[in-house]
Amino acid sequence: MIVVSDTTAITSLLKIGQAEVLQRLFALVIIPEAVRDDLLNYHSELPAFIEIHAVQDKSGLPRLLLDLDHGEAEAIILAKELQADALLIDEKKGRHLAEQEGIRCLGLVGALLLAKKEKIIPSLKELLDDLEQRANFYLHPELKEQFLRQAGE
């Protein structure tokens, strides 16, 4: 499975010491150079399961940069270039633009729900609470309840 990620999922999990969830779920996560640069602004090193790829065709960047930051834009282009099975992205505009390009998107909470179903994590609620408290990850309470119901919690 080819998974490309934007910054949010990785940095949020790094902040709470749970980045290995992505490794256990996907084995390898690919990021573009702009996401690497974003991550290294806040974290001294990146996990070994993250692979960095350069975007080959940057001609689509100017159009995407009208609405997105550099990391999101490069992640969308890289996902398309690699024909990724999924793009980890939470930003609403980014998800919408990626889906218009035919890219399947998965948010952090969706990935964690998948990790719960695969028995990689014991509790979705505990992880979401930790993300909210320590990583400033906001999830609307109704949406949180919906995900917790899907996880059987």
C-alpha atoms as a PDB file:
ATOM      1  CA  MET A   1       0.000   0.000   0.000  1.00  0.00           C
ATOM      2  CA  ILE A   2       1.360   3.412  -0.982  1.00  0.00           C
ATOM      3  CA  VAL A   3       0.494   6.118   1.565  1.00  0.00           C
ATOM      4  CA  VAL A   4       1.551   9.748   1.186  1.00  0.00           C
ATOM      5  CA  SER A   5       1.134  12.120   4.114  1.00  0.00           C
ATOM      6  CA  ASP A   6       0.773  15.799   4.775  1.00  0.00           C
ATOM      7  CA  THR A   7       2.268  17.226   7.972  1.00  0.00           C
ATOM      8  CA  THR A   8      -0.667  17.096  10.407  1.00  0.00           C
ATOM      9  CA  ALA A   9      -1.014  13.348  11.025  1.00  0.00           C
ATOM     10  CA  ILE A  10       2.697  12.811  11.556  1.00  0.00           C
ATOM     11  CA  THR A  11       3.379  15.876  13.698  1.00  0.00           C
ATOM     12  CA  SER A  12       0.302  15.263  15.854  1.00  0.00           C
ATOM     13  CA  LEU A  13       1.350  11.701  16.594  1.00  0.00           C
ATOM     14  CA  LEU A  14       4.974  12.722  17.169  1.00  0.00           C
ATOM     15  CA  LYS A  15       3.796  15.248  19.784  1.00  0.00           C
ATOM     16  CA  ILE A  16       2.174  12.479  21.812  1.00  0.00           C
ATOM     17  CA  GLY A  17       4.823   9.828  21.168  1.00  0.00           C
ATOM     18  CA  GLN A  18       2.562   7.634  19.023  1.00  0.00           C
ATOM     19  CA  ALA A  19       4.027   7.936  15.512  1.00  0.00           C
ATOM     20  CA  GLU A  20       4.636   4.188  15.419  1.00  0.00           C
ATOM     21  CA  VAL A  21       0.874   3.739  14.954  1.00  0.00           C
ATOM     22  CA  LEU A  22       1.371   4.862  11.343  1.00  0.00           C
ATOM     23  CA  GLN A  23       4.254   2.431  10.915  1.00  0.00           C
ATOM     24  CA  ARG A  24       2.254  -0.475  12.272  1.00  0.00           C
ATOM     25  CA  LEU A  25      -0.700   0.483  10.104  1.00  0.00           C
ATOM     26  CA  PHE A  26       1.059   1.257   6.813  1.00  0.00           C
ATOM     27  CA  ALA A  27       4.691   0.039   7.250  1.00  0.00           C
ATOM     28  CA  LEU A  28       5.943   2.953   5.124  1.00  0.00           C
ATOM     29  CA  VAL A  29       4.698   6.528   4.830  1.00  0.00           C
ATOM     30  CA  ILE A  30       5.968   8.729   2.007  1.00  0.00           C
ATOM     31  CA  ILE A  31       6.229  12.496   2.338  1.00  0.00           C
ATOM     32  CA  PRO A  32       7.319  15.232  -0.064  1.00  0.00           C
ATOM     33  CA  GLU A  33      10.260  17.501   0.703  1.00  0.00           C
ATOM     34  CA  ALA A  34       8.037  20.393   1.821  1.00  0.00           C
ATOM     35  CA  VAL A  35       6.412  18.179   4.472  1.00  0.00           C
ATOM     36  CA  ARG A  36       9.860  17.028   5.606  1.00  0.00           C
ATOM     37  CA  ASP A  37      10.873  20.663   6.002  1.00  0.00           C
ATOM     38  CA  ASP A  38       7.682  21.456   7.964  1.00  0.00           C
ATOM     39  CA  LEU A  39       8.250  18.505  10.285  1.00  0.00           C
ATOM     40  CA  LEU A  40      11.908  19.315  10.896  1.00  0.00           C
ATOM     41  CA  ASN A  41      10.907  22.832  11.971  1.00  0.00           C
ATOM     42  CA  TYR A  42       9.293  21.267  15.063  1.00  0.00           C
ATOM     43  CA  HIS A  43      10.915  17.854  15.495  1.00  0.00           C
ATOM     44  CA  SER A  44      14.633  17.101  15.675  1.00  0.00           C
ATOM     45  CA  GLU A  45      14.356  13.912  13.617  1.00  0.00           C
ATOM     46  CA  LEU A  46      11.871  11.910  11.625  1.00  0.00           C
ATOM     47  CA  PRO A  47      10.900   8.287  12.262  1.00  0.00           C
ATOM     48  CA  ALA A  48      12.725   5.696  10.152  1.00  0.00           C
ATOM     49  CA  PHE A  49       9.494   4.490   8.513  1.00  0.00           C
ATOM     50  CA  ILE A  50       9.097   7.837   6.724  1.00  0.00           C
ATOM     51  CA  GLU A  51      10.487   8.014   3.206  1.00  0.00           C
ATOM     52  CA  ILE A  52      11.052  11.345   1.482  1.00  0.00           C
ATOM     53  CA  HIS A  53      10.336  11.730  -2.229  1.00  0.00           C
ATOM     54  CA  ALA A  54      10.804  14.792  -4.387  1.00  0.00           C
ATOM     55  CA  VAL A  55       7.847  15.951  -6.452  1.00  0.00           C
ATOM     56  CA  GLN A  56       8.796  15.418 -10.098  1.00  0.00           C
ATOM     57  CA  ASP A  57       6.329  17.674 -11.886  1.00  0.00           C
ATOM     58  CA  LYS A  58       5.956  20.975 -10.023  1.00  0.00           C
ATOM     59  CA  SER A  59       3.858  22.605 -12.737  1.00  0.00           C
ATOM     60  CA  GLY A  60       0.665  22.068 -10.720  1.00  0.00           C
ATOM     61  CA  LEU A  61       2.041  23.754  -7.599  1.00  0.00           C
ATOM     62  CA  PRO A  62       1.089  27.377  -8.404  1.00  0.00           C
ATOM     63  CA  ARG A  63      -2.575  26.434  -8.825  1.00  0.00           C
ATOM     64  CA  LEU A  64      -2.674  24.491  -5.533  1.00  0.00           C
ATOM     65  CA  LEU A  65      -0.716  27.153  -3.646  1.00  0.00           C
ATOM     66  CA  LEU A  66      -3.590  29.585  -4.196  1.00  0.00           C
ATOM     67  CA  ASP A  67      -5.541  27.657  -1.533  1.00  0.00           C
ATOM     68  CA  LEU A  68      -3.043  25.439   0.294  1.00  0.00           C
ATOM     69  CA  ASP A  69       0.312  25.586   2.016  1.00  0.00           C
ATOM     70  CA  HIS A  70       3.393  24.160   0.333  1.00  0.00           C
ATOM     71  CA  GLY A  71       3.329  20.840   2.213  1.00  0.00           C
ATOM     72  CA  GLU A  72      -0.299  20.130   1.373  1.00  0.00           C
ATOM     73  CA  ALA A  73       0.197  21.077  -2.269  1.00  0.00           C
ATOM     74  CA  GLU A  74       3.289  18.878  -2.673  1.00  0.00           C
ATOM     75  CA  ALA A  75       1.583  15.989  -0.856  1.00  0.00           C
ATOM     76  CA  ILE A  76      -1.325  16.094  -3.317  1.00  0.00           C
ATOM     77  CA  ILE A  77       0.980  16.177  -6.334  1.00  0.00           C
ATOM     78  CA  LEU A  78       3.166  13.381  -4.934  1.00  0.00           C
ATOM     79  CA  ALA A  79       0.143  11.207  -4.156  1.00  0.00           C
ATOM     80  CA  LYS A  80      -0.994  11.622  -7.742  1.00  0.00           C
ATOM     81  CA  GLU A  81       2.477  10.952  -9.174  1.00  0.00           C
ATOM     82  CA  LEU A  82       2.903   7.782  -7.107  1.00  0.00           C
ATOM     83  CA  GLN A  83      -0.707   6.702  -7.653  1.00  0.00           C
ATOM     84  CA  ALA A  84      -0.973   6.402  -3.885  1.00  0.00           C
ATOM     85  CA  ASP A  85      -3.640   4.247  -2.318  1.00  0.00           C
ATOM     86  CA  ALA A  86      -4.287   7.015   0.212  1.00  0.00           C
ATOM     87  CA  LEU A  87      -3.303  10.551   1.113  1.00  0.00           C
ATOM     88  CA  LEU A  88      -3.229  11.346   4.839  1.00  0.00           C
ATOM     89  CA  ILE A  89      -4.587  14.880   5.006  1.00  0.00           C
ATOM     90  CA  ASP A  90      -6.943  16.653   7.386  1.00  0.00           C
ATOM     91  CA  GLU A  91      -7.246  20.147   5.937  1.00  0.00           C
ATOM     92  CA  LYS A  92     -10.710  20.518   4.357  1.00  0.00           C
ATOM     93  CA  LYS A  93      -9.653  22.445   1.245  1.00  0.00           C
ATOM     94  CA  GLY A  94      -6.744  20.071   0.689  1.00  0.00           C
ATOM     95  CA  ARG A  95      -8.970  17.009   0.944  1.00  0.00           C
ATOM     96  CA  HIS A  96     -11.476  18.543  -1.468  1.00  0.00           C
ATOM     97  CA  LEU A  97      -8.802  19.417  -4.043  1.00  0.00           C
ATOM     98  CA  ALA A  98      -7.158  15.989  -3.704  1.00  0.00           C
ATOM     99  CA  GLU A  99     -10.477  14.208  -4.164  1.00  0.00           C
ATOM    100  CA  GLN A 100     -11.114  16.306  -7.290  1.00  0.00           C
ATOM    101  CA  GLU A 101      -7.821  14.858  -8.581  1.00  0.00           C
ATOM    102  CA  GLY A 102      -9.128  11.333  -7.907  1.00  0.00           C
ATOM    103  CA  ILE A 103      -7.003  10.778  -4.805  1.00  0.00           C
ATOM    104  CA  ARG A 104      -8.457   8.784  -1.905  1.00  0.00           C
ATOM    105  CA  CYS A 105      -8.061  10.781   1.310  1.00  0.00           C
ATOM    106  CA  LEU A 106      -7.835   9.615   4.868  1.00  0.00           C
ATOM    107  CA  GLY A 107      -7.723  11.898   7.876  1.00  0.00           C
ATOM    108  CA  LEU A 108      -5.793  11.218  11.061  1.00  0.00           C
ATOM    109  CA  VAL A 109      -8.903  10.108  12.932  1.00  0.00           C
ATOM    110  CA  GLY A 110      -9.874   7.801  10.074  1.00  0.00           C
ATOM    111  CA  ALA A 111      -6.400   6.261  10.193  1.00  0.00           C
ATOM    112  CA  LEU A 112      -6.696   5.821  13.965  1.00  0.00           C
ATOM    113  CA  LEU A 113     -10.119   4.211  13.538  1.00  0.00           C
ATOM    114  CA  LEU A 114      -8.534   1.792  11.098  1.00  0.00           C
ATOM    115  CA  ALA A 115      -5.747   1.154  13.633  1.00  0.00           C
ATOM    116  CA  LYS A 116      -8.375   0.371  16.284  1.00  0.00           C
ATOM    117  CA  LYS A 117     -10.183  -2.054  13.952  1.00  0.00           C
ATOM    118  CA  GLU A 118      -6.836  -3.735  13.164  1.00  0.00           C
ATOM    119  CA  LYS A 119      -6.155  -3.994  16.944  1.00  0.00           C
ATOM    120  CA  ILE A 120      -3.048  -1.811  16.621  1.00  0.00           C
ATOM    121  CA  ILE A 121      -4.329   0.530  19.330  1.00  0.00           C
ATOM    122  CA  PRO A 122      -6.398  -0.534  22.334  1.00  0.00           C
ATOM    123  CA  SER A 123      -8.458   2.655  22.678  1.00  0.00           C
ATOM    124  CA  LEU A 124      -9.394   5.292  20.130  1.00  0.00           C
ATOM    125  CA  LYS A 125     -10.833   7.493  22.888  1.00  0.00           C
ATOM    126  CA  GLU A 126      -7.590   7.602  24.863  1.00  0.00           C
ATOM    127  CA  LEU A 127      -5.589   8.530  21.764  1.00  0.00           C
ATOM    128  CA  LEU A 128      -8.083  11.223  20.715  1.00  0.00           C
ATOM    129  CA  ASP A 129      -8.104  12.681  24.234  1.00  0.00           C
ATOM    130  CA  ASP A 130      -4.293  12.715  24.237  1.00  0.00           C
ATOM    131  CA  LEU A 131      -4.217  14.414  20.822  1.00  0.00           C
ATOM    132  CA  GLU A 132      -6.651  17.076  22.010  1.00  0.00           C
ATOM    133  CA  GLN A 133      -4.770  17.755  25.260  1.00  0.00           C
ATOM    134  CA  ARG A 134      -1.145  17.523  24.134  1.00  0.00           C
ATOM    135  CA  ALA A 135      -1.154  18.169  20.380  1.00  0.00           C
ATOM    136  CA  ASN A 136      -3.902  20.808  20.110  1.00  0.00           C
ATOM    137  CA  PHE A 137      -5.765  18.529  17.709  1.00  0.00           C
ATOM    138  CA  TYR A 138      -9.379  19.688  17.602  1.00  0.00           C
ATOM    139  CA  LEU A 139     -12.224  17.393  16.692  1.00  0.00           C
ATOM    140  CA  HIS A 140     -15.838  18.537  16.927  1.00  0.00           C
ATOM    141  CA  PRO A 141     -17.515  16.656  19.836  1.00  0.00           C
ATOM    142  CA  GLU A 142     -20.288  15.216  17.622  1.00  0.00           C
ATOM    143  CA  LEU A 143     -17.725  13.952  15.123  1.00  0.00           C
ATOM    144  CA  LYS A 144     -15.653  12.489  17.938  1.00  0.00           C
ATOM    145  CA  GLU A 145     -18.712  10.626  19.257  1.00  0.00           C
ATOM    146  CA  GLN A 146     -19.453   9.318  15.765  1.00  0.00           C
ATOM    147  CA  PHE A 147     -15.911   7.913  15.412  1.00  0.00           C
ATOM    148  CA  LEU A 148     -16.025   6.416  18.895  1.00  0.00           C
ATOM    149  CA  ARG A 149     -19.304   4.652  18.061  1.00  0.00           C
ATOM    150  CA  GLN A 150     -17.722   3.255  14.896  1.00  0.00           C
ATOM    151  CA  ALA A 151     -14.823   2.003  17.041  1.00  0.00           C
ATOM    152  CA  GLY A 152     -17.242   0.359  19.473  1.00  0.00           C
ATOM    153  CA  GLU A 153     -16.247   2.679  22.321  1.00  0.00           C
END
